[in-house]
Amino acid sequence: MAYNHGEQSLTNTIGDLPQNFLGSNNTHFLLPSSQFGTSLYGDNDEASAHYSFTQLKLKEIKFFDK
């Protein structure tokens, strides 16, 4: 069974989650360790997924059920 939606939807989601400018997200579950966009360009200036790096914010784990 193949995944028919491609990796672009996952790339877009991961690219939007760590954005930390005003109006982007309420809670940031991922740390923005590279360029994930700015409010100046309407978040359309994020780096290519190949050059992006992020990791889970450990403080935000409390939002998930165990």
PDB file of N, CA and C in Angstrom:
ATOM      1  N   MET A   1       0.844  -1.180   0.000  1.00  0.00           N
ATOM      2  CA  MET A   1       0.000   0.000   0.000  1.00  0.00           C
ATOM      3  C   MET A   1       0.889   1.242   0.000  1.00  0.00           C
ATOM      4  N   ALA A   2       0.643   2.142  -0.921  1.00  0.00           N
ATOM      5  CA  ALA A   2       1.453   3.352  -1.058  1.00  0.00           C
ATOM      6  C   ALA A   2       0.754   4.544  -0.416  1.00  0.00           C
ATOM      7  N   TYR A   3       1.539   5.471   0.051  1.00  0.00           N
ATOM      8  CA  TYR A   3       1.010   6.724   0.590  1.00  0.00           C
ATOM      9  C   TYR A   3       0.796   7.669  -0.580  1.00  0.00           C
ATOM     10  N   ASN A   4      -0.455   7.958  -0.906  1.00  0.00           N
ATOM     11  CA  ASN A   4      -0.787   8.675  -2.135  1.00  0.00           C
ATOM     12  C   ASN A   4      -0.696  10.190  -2.031  1.00  0.00           C
ATOM     13  N   HIS A   5      -0.497  10.721  -0.862  1.00  0.00           N
ATOM     14  CA  HIS A   5      -0.533  12.167  -0.705  1.00  0.00           C
ATOM     15  C   HIS A   5       0.840  12.822  -0.793  1.00  0.00           C
ATOM     16  N   GLY A   6       1.873  12.052  -0.845  1.00  0.00           N
ATOM     17  CA  GLY A   6       3.208  12.611  -0.956  1.00  0.00           C
ATOM     18  C   GLY A   6       3.688  13.228   0.340  1.00  0.00           C
ATOM     19  N   GLU A   7       4.920  13.654   0.330  1.00  0.00           N
ATOM     20  CA  GLU A   7       5.497  14.212   1.550  1.00  0.00           C
ATOM     21  C   GLU A   7       5.282  15.714   1.673  1.00  0.00           C
ATOM     22  N   GLN A   8       4.737  16.346   0.653  1.00  0.00           N
ATOM     23  CA  GLN A   8       4.574  17.798   0.689  1.00  0.00           C
ATOM     24  C   GLN A   8       3.610  18.248   1.782  1.00  0.00           C
ATOM     25  N   SER A   9       2.538  17.488   2.034  1.00  0.00           N
ATOM     26  CA  SER A   9       1.599  17.882   3.090  1.00  0.00           C
ATOM     27  C   SER A   9       2.261  17.821   4.459  1.00  0.00           C
ATOM     28  N   LEU A  10       3.088  16.812   4.690  1.00  0.00           N
ATOM     29  CA  LEU A  10       3.827  16.709   5.948  1.00  0.00           C
ATOM     30  C   LEU A  10       4.849  17.837   6.063  1.00  0.00           C
ATOM     31  N   THR A  11       5.512  18.143   4.971  1.00  0.00           N
ATOM     32  CA  THR A  11       6.488  19.234   4.952  1.00  0.00           C
ATOM     33  C   THR A  11       5.823  20.572   5.269  1.00  0.00           C
ATOM     34  N   ASN A  12       4.650  20.815   4.704  1.00  0.00           N
ATOM     35  CA  ASN A  12       3.938  22.072   4.971  1.00  0.00           C
ATOM     36  C   ASN A  12       3.513  22.170   6.427  1.00  0.00           C
ATOM     37  N   THR A  13       3.041  21.068   6.988  1.00  0.00           N
ATOM     38  CA  THR A  13       2.607  21.069   8.387  1.00  0.00           C
ATOM     39  C   THR A  13       3.776  21.329   9.320  1.00  0.00           C
ATOM     40  N   ILE A  14       4.868  20.625   9.116  1.00  0.00           N
ATOM     41  CA  ILE A  14       6.049  20.814   9.961  1.00  0.00           C
ATOM     42  C   ILE A  14       6.612  22.221   9.774  1.00  0.00           C
ATOM     43  N   GLY A  15       6.496  22.775   8.594  1.00  0.00           N
ATOM     44  CA  GLY A  15       6.974  24.134   8.352  1.00  0.00           C
ATOM     45  C   GLY A  15       6.150  25.193   9.058  1.00  0.00           C
ATOM     46  N   ASP A  16       4.866  24.909   9.307  1.00  0.00           N
ATOM     47  CA  ASP A  16       3.998  25.888   9.965  1.00  0.00           C
ATOM     48  C   ASP A  16       4.019  25.780  11.486  1.00  0.00           C
ATOM     49  N   LEU A  17       4.267  24.613  12.036  1.00  0.00           N
ATOM     50  CA  LEU A  17       4.186  24.418  13.487  1.00  0.00           C
ATOM     51  C   LEU A  17       5.189  25.227  14.308  1.00  0.00           C
ATOM     52  N   PRO A  18       6.447  25.378  13.916  1.00  0.00           N
ATOM     53  CA  PRO A  18       7.383  26.108  14.781  1.00  0.00           C
ATOM     54  C   PRO A  18       7.381  27.623  14.596  1.00  0.00           C
ATOM     55  N   GLN A  19       6.516  28.163  13.752  1.00  0.00           N
ATOM     56  CA  GLN A  19       6.509  29.609  13.549  1.00  0.00           C
ATOM     57  C   GLN A  19       6.148  30.296  14.854  1.00  0.00           C
ATOM     58  N   ASN A  20       6.934  31.286  15.231  1.00  0.00           N
ATOM     59  CA  ASN A  20       6.741  31.922  16.535  1.00  0.00           C
ATOM     60  C   ASN A  20       6.534  33.428  16.453  1.00  0.00           C
ATOM     61  N   PHE A  21       6.072  33.935  15.326  1.00  0.00           N
ATOM     62  CA  PHE A  21       5.757  35.353  15.258  1.00  0.00           C
ATOM     63  C   PHE A  21       4.291  35.573  15.627  1.00  0.00           C
ATOM     64  N   LEU A  22       3.947  36.792  15.983  1.00  0.00           N
ATOM     65  CA  LEU A  22       2.614  37.139  16.460  1.00  0.00           C
ATOM     66  C   LEU A  22       1.548  36.757  15.432  1.00  0.00           C
ATOM     67  N   GLY A  23       0.570  35.985  15.868  1.00  0.00           N
ATOM     68  CA  GLY A  23      -0.527  35.578  15.005  1.00  0.00           C
ATOM     69  C   GLY A  23      -0.311  34.274  14.272  1.00  0.00           C
ATOM     70  N   SER A  24       0.811  33.616  14.474  1.00  0.00           N
ATOM     71  CA  SER A  24       1.073  32.375  13.740  1.00  0.00           C
ATOM     72  C   SER A  24       0.451  31.162  14.418  1.00  0.00           C
ATOM     73  N   ASN A  25       0.694  30.966  15.692  1.00  0.00           N
ATOM     74  CA  ASN A  25       0.185  29.818  16.448  1.00  0.00           C
ATOM     75  C   ASN A  25      -0.083  30.244  17.883  1.00  0.00           C
ATOM     76  N   ASN A  26      -0.935  29.505  18.555  1.00  0.00           N
ATOM     77  CA  ASN A  26      -1.150  29.754  19.977  1.00  0.00           C
ATOM     78  C   ASN A  26      -0.103  29.047  20.821  1.00  0.00           C
ATOM     79  N   THR A  27       0.174  27.813  20.490  1.00  0.00           N
ATOM     80  CA  THR A  27       1.158  27.012  21.212  1.00  0.00           C
ATOM     81  C   THR A  27       2.141  26.440  20.207  1.00  0.00           C
ATOM     82  N   HIS A  28       3.396  26.553  20.491  1.00  0.00           N
ATOM     83  CA  HIS A  28       4.435  26.091  19.574  1.00  0.00           C
ATOM     84  C   HIS A  28       4.989  24.772  20.088  1.00  0.00           C
ATOM     85  N   PHE A  29       4.659  23.679  19.420  1.00  0.00           N
ATOM     86  CA  PHE A  29       5.110  22.360  19.851  1.00  0.00           C
ATOM     87  C   PHE A  29       6.496  22.022  19.320  1.00  0.00           C
ATOM     88  N   LEU A  30       6.963  22.757  18.339  1.00  0.00           N
ATOM     89  CA  LEU A  30       8.275  22.501  17.761  1.00  0.00           C
ATOM     90  C   LEU A  30       9.156  23.733  17.913  1.00  0.00           C
ATOM     91  N   LEU A  31      10.429  23.509  18.185  1.00  0.00           N
ATOM     92  CA  LEU A  31      11.397  24.606  18.287  1.00  0.00           C
ATOM     93  C   LEU A  31      11.857  25.030  16.891  1.00  0.00           C
ATOM     94  N   PRO A  32      11.829  26.304  16.576  1.00  0.00           N
ATOM     95  CA  PRO A  32      12.315  26.756  15.274  1.00  0.00           C
ATOM     96  C   PRO A  32      13.835  26.918  15.295  1.00  0.00           C
ATOM     97  N   SER A  33      14.547  25.910  14.831  1.00  0.00           N
ATOM     98  CA  SER A  33      16.011  25.962  14.840  1.00  0.00           C
ATOM     99  C   SER A  33      16.579  26.374  13.490  1.00  0.00           C
ATOM    100  N   SER A  34      15.735  26.791  12.577  1.00  0.00           N
ATOM    101  CA  SER A  34      16.169  27.328  11.292  1.00  0.00           C
ATOM    102  C   SER A  34      15.098  28.306  10.811  1.00  0.00           C
ATOM    103  N   GLN A  35      15.136  28.715   9.572  1.00  0.00           N
ATOM    104  CA  GLN A  35      14.206  29.725   9.061  1.00  0.00           C
ATOM    105  C   GLN A  35      12.856  29.092   8.719  1.00  0.00           C
ATOM    106  N   PHE A  36      11.817  29.422   9.498  1.00  0.00           N
ATOM    107  CA  PHE A  36      10.478  28.890   9.272  1.00  0.00           C
ATOM    108  C   PHE A  36       9.491  29.977   8.869  1.00  0.00           C
ATOM    109  N   GLY A  37       9.960  31.101   8.428  1.00  0.00           N
ATOM    110  CA  GLY A  37       9.088  32.169   7.962  1.00  0.00           C
ATOM    111  C   GLY A  37       8.962  33.295   8.967  1.00  0.00           C
ATOM    112  N   THR A  38       8.571  34.443   8.464  1.00  0.00           N
ATOM    113  CA  THR A  38       8.386  35.629   9.296  1.00  0.00           C
ATOM    114  C   THR A  38       7.039  36.264   8.971  1.00  0.00           C
ATOM    115  N   SER A  39       6.561  37.110   9.858  1.00  0.00           N
ATOM    116  CA  SER A  39       5.295  37.799   9.608  1.00  0.00           C
ATOM    117  C   SER A  39       5.444  38.860   8.524  1.00  0.00           C
ATOM    118  N   LEU A  40       6.663  39.295   8.263  1.00  0.00           N
ATOM    119  CA  LEU A  40       6.905  40.334   7.262  1.00  0.00           C
ATOM    120  C   LEU A  40       6.433  39.901   5.875  1.00  0.00           C
ATOM    121  N   TYR A  41       6.655  38.641   5.534  1.00  0.00           N
ATOM    122  CA  TYR A  41       6.280  38.128   4.219  1.00  0.00           C
ATOM    123  C   TYR A  41       5.094  37.177   4.289  1.00  0.00           C
ATOM    124  N   GLY A  42       4.301  37.248   5.341  1.00  0.00           N
ATOM    125  CA  GLY A  42       3.131  36.397   5.457  1.00  0.00           C
ATOM    126  C   GLY A  42       3.470  34.924   5.535  1.00  0.00           C
ATOM    127  N   ASP A  43       4.546  34.587   6.173  1.00  0.00           N
ATOM    128  CA  ASP A  43       5.104  33.247   6.378  1.00  0.00           C
ATOM    129  C   ASP A  43       5.409  32.513   5.074  1.00  0.00           C
ATOM    130  N   ASN A  44       5.589  33.241   3.980  1.00  0.00           N
ATOM    131  CA  ASN A  44       5.943  32.626   2.700  1.00  0.00           C
ATOM    132  C   ASN A  44       7.443  32.646   2.438  1.00  0.00           C
ATOM    133  N   ASP A  45       8.234  32.940   3.442  1.00  0.00           N
ATOM    134  CA  ASP A  45       9.679  33.029   3.248  1.00  0.00           C
ATOM    135  C   ASP A  45      10.434  31.959   4.032  1.00  0.00           C
ATOM    136  N   GLU A  46       9.787  30.832   4.302  1.00  0.00           N
ATOM    137  CA  GLU A  46      10.473  29.774   5.041  1.00  0.00           C
ATOM    138  C   GLU A  46      11.465  29.055   4.137  1.00  0.00           C
ATOM    139  N   ALA A  47      12.479  28.489   4.760  1.00  0.00           N
ATOM    140  CA  ALA A  47      13.521  27.781   4.023  1.00  0.00           C
ATOM    141  C   ALA A  47      12.978  26.476   3.453  1.00  0.00           C
ATOM    142  N   SER A  48      13.669  25.933   2.487  1.00  0.00           N
ATOM    143  CA  SER A  48      13.305  24.637   1.925  1.00  0.00           C
ATOM    144  C   SER A  48      13.364  23.572   3.016  1.00  0.00           C
ATOM    145  N   ALA A  49      12.524  22.556   2.896  1.00  0.00           N
ATOM    146  CA  ALA A  49      12.475  21.493   3.906  1.00  0.00           C
ATOM    147  C   ALA A  49      13.824  20.791   4.049  1.00  0.00           C
ATOM    148  N   HIS A  50      14.591  20.783   2.997  1.00  0.00           N
ATOM    149  CA  HIS A  50      15.906  20.145   3.037  1.00  0.00           C
ATOM    150  C   HIS A  50      16.837  20.840   4.036  1.00  0.00           C
ATOM    151  N   TYR A  51      16.652  22.129   4.233  1.00  0.00           N
ATOM    152  CA  TYR A  51      17.524  22.912   5.104  1.00  0.00           C
ATOM    153  C   TYR A  51      16.911  23.224   6.465  1.00  0.00           C
ATOM    154  N   SER A  52      15.717  22.723   6.725  1.00  0.00           N
ATOM    155  CA  SER A  52      15.022  23.024   7.978  1.00  0.00           C
ATOM    156  C   SER A  52      15.364  22.005   9.052  1.00  0.00           C
ATOM    157  N   PHE A  53      15.457  22.479  10.289  1.00  0.00           N
ATOM    158  CA  PHE A  53      15.701  21.607  11.434  1.00  0.00           C
ATOM    159  C   PHE A  53      14.791  22.046  12.566  1.00  0.00           C
ATOM    160  N   THR A  54      14.181  21.084  13.225  1.00  0.00           N
ATOM    161  CA  THR A  54      13.319  21.375  14.358  1.00  0.00           C
ATOM    162  C   THR A  54      13.342  20.192  15.316  1.00  0.00           C
ATOM    163  N   GLN A  55      12.832  20.420  16.496  1.00  0.00           N
ATOM    164  CA  GLN A  55      12.693  19.341  17.479  1.00  0.00           C
ATOM    165  C   GLN A  55      11.517  19.663  18.382  1.00  0.00           C
ATOM    166  N   LEU A  56      10.990  18.650  19.049  1.00  0.00           N
ATOM    167  CA  LEU A  56       9.841  18.807  19.926  1.00  0.00           C
ATOM    168  C   LEU A  56      10.223  19.601  21.162  1.00  0.00           C
ATOM    169  N   LYS A  57       9.363  20.543  21.558  1.00  0.00           N
ATOM    170  CA  LYS A  57       9.584  21.301  22.790  1.00  0.00           C
ATOM    171  C   LYS A  57       9.122  20.444  23.957  1.00  0.00           C
ATOM    172  N   LEU A  58      10.019  20.091  24.831  1.00  0.00           N
ATOM    173  CA  LEU A  58       9.704  19.186  25.932  1.00  0.00           C
ATOM    174  C   LEU A  58       8.716  19.794  26.920  1.00  0.00           C
ATOM    175  N   LYS A  59       8.709  21.112  27.079  1.00  0.00           N
ATOM    176  CA  LYS A  59       7.760  21.750  27.995  1.00  0.00           C
ATOM    177  C   LYS A  59       6.322  21.588  27.519  1.00  0.00           C
ATOM    178  N   GLU A  60       6.117  21.431  26.235  1.00  0.00           N
ATOM    179  CA  GLU A  60       4.771  21.359  25.678  1.00  0.00           C
ATOM    180  C   GLU A  60       4.197  19.943  25.692  1.00  0.00           C
ATOM    181  N   ILE A  61       4.955  18.964  26.129  1.00  0.00           N
ATOM    182  CA  ILE A  61       4.483  17.578  26.181  1.00  0.00           C
ATOM    183  C   ILE A  61       3.259  17.458  27.082  1.00  0.00           C
ATOM    184  N   LYS A  62       3.104  18.339  28.051  1.00  0.00           N
ATOM    185  CA  LYS A  62       1.996  18.258  29.003  1.00  0.00           C
ATOM    186  C   LYS A  62       0.636  18.373  28.318  1.00  0.00           C
ATOM    187  N   PHE A  63       0.586  18.867  27.089  1.00  0.00           N
ATOM    188  CA  PHE A  63      -0.674  18.985  26.368  1.00  0.00           C
ATOM    189  C   PHE A  63      -1.167  17.651  25.820  1.00  0.00           C
ATOM    190  N   PHE A  64      -0.305  16.659  25.781  1.00  0.00           N
ATOM    191  CA  PHE A  64      -0.671  15.357  25.240  1.00  0.00           C
ATOM    192  C   PHE A  64      -1.042  14.403  26.360  1.00  0.00           C
ATOM    193  N   ASP A  65      -2.047  13.566  26.114  1.00  0.00           N
ATOM    194  CA  ASP A  65      -2.407  12.533  27.090  1.00  0.00           C
ATOM    195  C   ASP A  65      -1.356  11.441  27.088  1.00  0.00           C
ATOM    196  N   LYS A  66      -1.119  10.880  28.242  1.00  0.00           N
ATOM    197  CA  LYS A  66      -0.151   9.781  28.332  1.00  0.00           C
ATOM    198  C   LYS A  66      -0.860   8.457  28.259  1.00  0.00           C
TER     199      LYS A  66
END
